[in-house]
Amino acid sequence: MGVLMCLVWLVTVFPLLDSALIIYSKSSGRCVDYTDRTMHNLGFKWRNSDCQICQCLRTVVACRNSYSTPERYPDDCVAVFERENCRYRLQKKTNPMVECQTWRGA
């Protein structure tokens, strides 16, 4: 029954995630995030260095992007990803000090 529930979860939830890792260490009862080479206890949530929010579930590590990606913004602007803040900053192409407004994020 547990395997069936895992398969149902993979088929329904997994495609909805922006990106995901499925890694579980049964021998230790802990989850492994291979992005940062860290181990986490069941139920624990964290943000890794790829700006993903992850959770150690009973049978999987589920991760998704912690940021939205701007889709529509003025033509004179550019989206620059700030890894230290895990977010996109919209700025004028001609003057990076001037921020732009987003019209829609994904």
Protein backbone atom coordinates (compact mmCIF):
# COMPACT_ATOMS: atom_id res chain seq x y z
CA MET A 1 0.00 0.00 0.00
CA GLY A 2 2.88 2.39 0.80
CA VAL A 3 4.41 1.86 -2.62
CA LEU A 4 1.06 2.57 -4.27
CA MET A 5 0.68 5.84 -2.34
CA CYS A 6 4.21 6.85 -3.34
CA LEU A 7 3.45 6.17 -7.00
CA VAL A 8 0.20 8.14 -6.81
CA TRP A 9 2.10 11.04 -5.24
CA LEU A 10 4.77 10.91 -7.94
CA VAL A 11 2.23 10.90 -10.75
CA THR A 12 0.05 13.70 -9.32
CA VAL A 13 2.24 16.05 -7.27
CA PHE A 14 5.72 15.63 -8.74
CA PRO A 15 4.86 17.14 -12.17
CA LEU A 16 3.50 20.26 -10.42
CA LEU A 17 6.81 21.08 -8.78
CA ASP A 18 9.15 23.44 -10.62
CA SER A 19 12.03 21.13 -9.91
CA ALA A 20 12.43 18.26 -7.53
CA LEU A 21 14.78 15.73 -6.07
CA ILE A 22 13.72 12.29 -4.90
CA ILE A 23 16.34 10.86 -2.64
CA TYR A 24 15.78 8.96 0.59
CA SER A 25 18.14 7.06 2.81
CA LYS A 26 16.22 4.24 4.48
CA SER A 27 19.24 2.99 6.35
CA SER A 28 19.55 6.16 8.40
CA GLY A 29 15.88 7.23 8.30
CA ARG A 30 17.03 10.64 7.09
CA CYS A 31 16.78 12.50 3.78
CA VAL A 32 19.79 13.55 1.73
CA ASP A 33 19.93 16.79 -0.26
CA TYR A 34 22.66 16.12 -2.82
CA THR A 35 22.76 19.78 -3.86
CA ASP A 36 24.44 20.74 -0.59
CA ARG A 37 25.47 17.25 0.57
CA THR A 38 23.36 17.66 3.73
CA MET A 39 21.15 15.27 5.68
CA HIS A 40 17.82 16.20 7.26
CA ASN A 41 15.40 14.57 9.66
CA LEU A 42 11.93 13.48 8.57
CA GLY A 43 9.49 16.40 8.48
CA PHE A 44 12.26 19.03 8.33
CA LYS A 45 12.07 21.92 5.79
CA TRP A 46 15.06 23.87 4.48
CA ARG A 47 16.28 26.09 1.63
CA ASN A 48 19.33 24.81 -0.22
CA SER A 49 22.01 26.73 -2.12
CA ASP A 50 20.05 26.33 -5.40
CA CYS A 51 17.28 28.43 -3.83
CA GLN A 52 14.96 25.46 -3.51
CA ILE A 53 12.59 24.93 -0.59
CA CYS A 54 12.81 21.27 0.35
CA GLN A 55 11.00 19.03 2.78
CA CYS A 56 12.00 15.62 4.04
CA LEU A 57 8.85 13.53 3.71
CA ARG A 58 8.31 9.93 4.70
CA THR A 59 9.47 8.47 1.41
CA VAL A 60 10.91 11.36 -0.63
CA VAL A 61 12.66 14.69 -0.54
CA ALA A 62 10.38 17.17 -2.31
CA CYS A 63 11.92 20.42 -3.55
CA ARG A 64 10.58 23.39 -5.48
CA ASN A 65 11.99 26.76 -6.44
CA SER A 66 11.61 29.35 -3.68
CA TYR A 67 11.27 32.21 -6.16
CA SER A 68 8.98 33.21 -8.99
CA THR A 69 10.34 34.00 -12.43
CA PRO A 70 9.19 37.28 -13.97
CA GLU A 71 7.50 36.71 -17.31
CA ARG A 72 6.23 40.07 -18.43
CA TYR A 73 7.97 43.37 -17.83
CA PRO A 74 8.82 46.47 -19.90
CA ASP A 75 11.13 45.99 -22.89
CA ASP A 76 13.67 48.43 -21.46
CA CYS A 77 14.16 46.22 -18.38
CA VAL A 78 16.04 43.01 -17.66
CA ALA A 79 15.57 40.31 -14.99
CA VAL A 80 18.71 39.62 -12.96
CA PHE A 81 18.76 36.70 -10.52
CA GLU A 82 20.15 37.52 -7.07
CA ARG A 83 21.33 34.19 -5.67
CA GLU A 84 22.08 35.62 -2.24
CA ASN A 85 18.41 36.67 -1.88
CA CYS A 86 16.94 33.89 -4.07
CA ARG A 87 14.92 36.37 -6.11
CA TYR A 88 14.85 38.13 -9.45
CA ARG A 89 15.42 41.86 -9.56
CA LEU A 90 14.02 43.80 -12.49
CA GLN A 91 16.22 46.69 -13.51
CA LYS A 92 16.57 49.11 -16.36
CA LYS A 93 18.93 47.87 -19.07
CA THR A 94 20.57 51.29 -19.32
CA ASN A 95 20.75 51.94 -15.56
CA PRO A 96 20.97 48.90 -13.22
CA MET A 97 20.30 51.15 -10.20
CA VAL A 98 16.72 51.80 -11.35
CA GLU A 99 14.22 49.03 -10.58
CA CYS A 100 11.33 48.13 -12.88
CA GLN A 101 7.89 46.77 -12.07
CA THR A 102 6.88 43.26 -13.07
CA TRP A 103 3.57 42.67 -14.78
CA ARG A 104 3.39 38.96 -14.03
CA GLY A 105 5.47 36.24 -12.37
CA ALA A 106 5.47 32.48 -12.91
